[in-house]
Amino acid sequence: MKTTSQLFRFLRNALEDPKRGVVGAVEDLLEVSRERPLRLDWEGDHCQVCMADGDSEETIDVVFPKSVFRAILARMATLCNERNPNSVSPYGGQGELVARVNPSTVVKTTIVNTSADQRLALTTETNSTVAM
């Protein structure tokens, strides 16, 4: 298991310099969410990334274009809709997606993507009876 600081470093690199585009950034977010609950909130001109570790939370600010963040939210909605069609709109909702690396892992997703508010929350559950 990676430390919170290692995960933050990984996320900062993935978001500030997404070499694999939005799809790669989403895959990286999902990878981190398998280890820790993750919340991203757009605040002014940056993204605030919060990671829970037991009873504590740590937060960092990451600077990248708001358009990239909104594209990440839209990609997450698309992935949720692959599992359960029309469960999440491009503007928000709650959904689930199956982690591609481990099909018994479900990522619960909360998305808000409006002109006034952009947020993403990811939590992971492992269940041997997850339906595909």
Protein backbone atom coordinates (compact mmCIF):
# COMPACT_ATOMS: atom_id res chain seq x y z
CA MET A 1 0.00 0.00 0.00
CA LYS A 2 1.30 3.43 -0.93
CA THR A 3 1.54 6.30 1.51
CA THR A 4 -0.79 9.29 1.20
CA SER A 5 2.12 11.50 0.11
CA GLN A 6 3.04 9.01 -2.65
CA LEU A 7 -0.56 8.93 -3.84
CA PHE A 8 -0.76 12.74 -3.82
CA ARG A 9 2.48 12.96 -5.82
CA PHE A 10 1.09 10.45 -8.33
CA LEU A 11 -2.19 12.39 -8.63
CA ARG A 12 -0.47 15.75 -8.99
CA ASN A 13 1.60 14.38 -11.90
CA ALA A 14 -1.44 12.74 -13.50
CA LEU A 15 -3.57 15.90 -13.34
CA GLU A 16 -1.02 18.64 -13.98
CA ASP A 17 0.70 16.82 -16.87
CA PRO A 18 -1.73 14.20 -18.22
CA LYS A 19 0.47 12.42 -20.74
CA ARG A 20 -2.36 9.98 -21.52
CA GLY A 21 -5.08 12.63 -21.80
CA VAL A 22 -8.36 12.69 -19.93
CA VAL A 23 -8.84 8.93 -20.26
CA GLY A 24 -5.47 8.30 -18.62
CA ALA A 25 -6.16 10.85 -15.87
CA VAL A 26 -9.46 9.10 -15.09
CA GLU A 27 -7.70 5.73 -14.96
CA ASP A 28 -5.18 7.22 -12.53
CA LEU A 29 -7.95 8.64 -10.32
CA LEU A 30 -9.63 5.24 -10.26
CA GLU A 31 -6.34 3.59 -9.36
CA VAL A 32 -5.86 5.90 -6.37
CA SER A 33 -9.49 5.47 -5.28
CA ARG A 34 -8.83 1.74 -4.87
CA GLU A 35 -6.48 2.64 -2.00
CA ARG A 36 -8.21 5.67 -0.43
CA PRO A 37 -11.55 7.48 -0.72
CA LEU A 38 -10.97 10.49 -2.92
CA ARG A 39 -12.75 13.83 -3.35
CA LEU A 40 -11.98 16.54 -5.89
CA ASP A 41 -13.55 20.01 -5.65
CA TRP A 42 -13.00 22.86 -8.08
CA GLU A 43 -12.18 25.99 -6.04
CA GLY A 44 -11.59 29.25 -7.94
CA ASP A 45 -8.67 28.52 -10.27
CA HIS A 46 -7.50 25.14 -8.95
CA CYS A 47 -8.65 21.72 -7.85
CA GLN A 48 -8.64 20.76 -4.21
CA VAL A 49 -7.91 17.03 -3.83
CA CYS A 50 -8.85 15.42 -0.52
CA MET A 51 -7.89 11.91 0.48
CA ALA A 52 -9.16 10.08 3.56
CA ASP A 53 -6.84 7.86 5.53
CA GLY A 54 -8.67 6.25 8.41
CA ASP A 55 -10.07 9.00 10.61
CA SER A 56 -7.99 11.78 9.05
CA GLU A 57 -8.13 13.66 5.76
CA GLU A 58 -5.34 15.35 3.87
CA THR A 59 -5.79 17.93 1.12
CA ILE A 60 -3.62 19.37 -1.62
CA ASP A 61 -4.26 21.98 -4.29
CA VAL A 62 -3.55 21.02 -7.90
CA VAL A 63 -3.48 23.56 -10.73
CA PHE A 64 -4.70 22.48 -14.16
CA PRO A 65 -7.36 23.79 -16.59
CA LYS A 66 -10.98 23.77 -15.47
CA SER A 67 -11.90 22.36 -18.88
CA VAL A 68 -9.82 19.26 -18.11
CA PHE A 69 -11.62 18.81 -14.79
CA ARG A 70 -15.00 19.08 -16.48
CA ALA A 71 -13.88 16.56 -19.11
CA ILE A 72 -12.86 14.18 -16.29
CA LEU A 73 -16.34 14.55 -14.76
CA ALA A 74 -17.97 13.82 -18.13
CA ARG A 75 -15.74 10.74 -18.64
CA MET A 76 -16.70 9.44 -15.18
CA ALA A 77 -20.40 9.87 -16.05
CA THR A 78 -19.87 7.92 -19.27
CA LEU A 79 -18.20 5.07 -17.38
CA CYS A 80 -21.03 4.96 -14.83
CA ASN A 81 -23.56 4.82 -17.67
CA GLU A 82 -21.76 1.82 -19.20
CA ARG A 83 -22.65 -0.16 -16.07
CA ASN A 84 -26.16 1.24 -15.62
CA PRO A 85 -27.44 3.22 -18.63
CA ASN A 86 -28.73 6.73 -17.90
CA SER A 87 -27.79 6.51 -14.21
CA VAL A 88 -25.71 9.70 -14.33
CA SER A 89 -26.15 12.75 -16.53
CA PRO A 90 -23.20 14.78 -17.81
CA TYR A 91 -24.17 17.34 -15.15
CA GLY A 92 -24.17 15.05 -12.17
CA GLY A 93 -25.59 12.21 -10.20
CA GLN A 94 -24.51 9.12 -8.35
CA GLY A 95 -23.43 5.96 -10.04
CA GLU A 96 -21.14 2.98 -9.97
CA LEU A 97 -18.54 1.56 -12.26
CA VAL A 98 -16.57 -1.65 -12.19
CA ALA A 99 -12.81 -1.31 -11.89
CA ARG A 100 -11.26 -2.75 -15.04
CA VAL A 101 -8.27 -4.09 -13.11
CA ASN A 102 -10.41 -6.05 -10.67
CA PRO A 103 -14.01 -6.81 -11.74
CA SER A 104 -15.03 -7.52 -8.14
CA THR A 105 -14.24 -3.90 -7.24
CA VAL A 106 -17.01 -1.32 -7.57
CA VAL A 107 -16.24 2.40 -7.52
CA LYS A 108 -19.12 4.46 -6.15
CA THR A 109 -19.12 7.82 -7.83
CA THR A 110 -20.74 11.15 -7.02
CA ILE A 111 -20.50 13.80 -9.74
CA VAL A 112 -21.55 17.44 -9.77
CA ASN A 113 -20.85 19.29 -13.02
CA THR A 114 -22.79 22.53 -13.23
CA SER A 115 -21.71 26.05 -14.11
CA ALA A 116 -21.57 26.91 -10.39
CA ASP A 117 -20.11 23.73 -8.91
CA GLN A 118 -17.77 20.96 -10.04
CA ARG A 119 -17.06 18.02 -7.69
CA LEU A 120 -16.14 14.36 -7.83
CA ALA A 121 -16.14 11.79 -5.02
CA LEU A 122 -14.88 8.23 -5.42
CA THR A 123 -15.11 5.38 -2.92
CA THR A 124 -14.33 1.75 -3.59
CA GLU A 125 -16.04 -1.41 -2.41
CA THR A 126 -14.79 -4.92 -3.03
CA ASN A 127 -17.44 -7.57 -3.29
CA SER A 128 -17.12 -11.08 -4.62
CA THR A 129 -20.75 -10.98 -5.81
CA VAL A 130 -20.48 -7.87 -7.98
CA ALA A 131 -22.64 -8.30 -11.09
CA MET A 132 -21.11 -7.40 -14.42
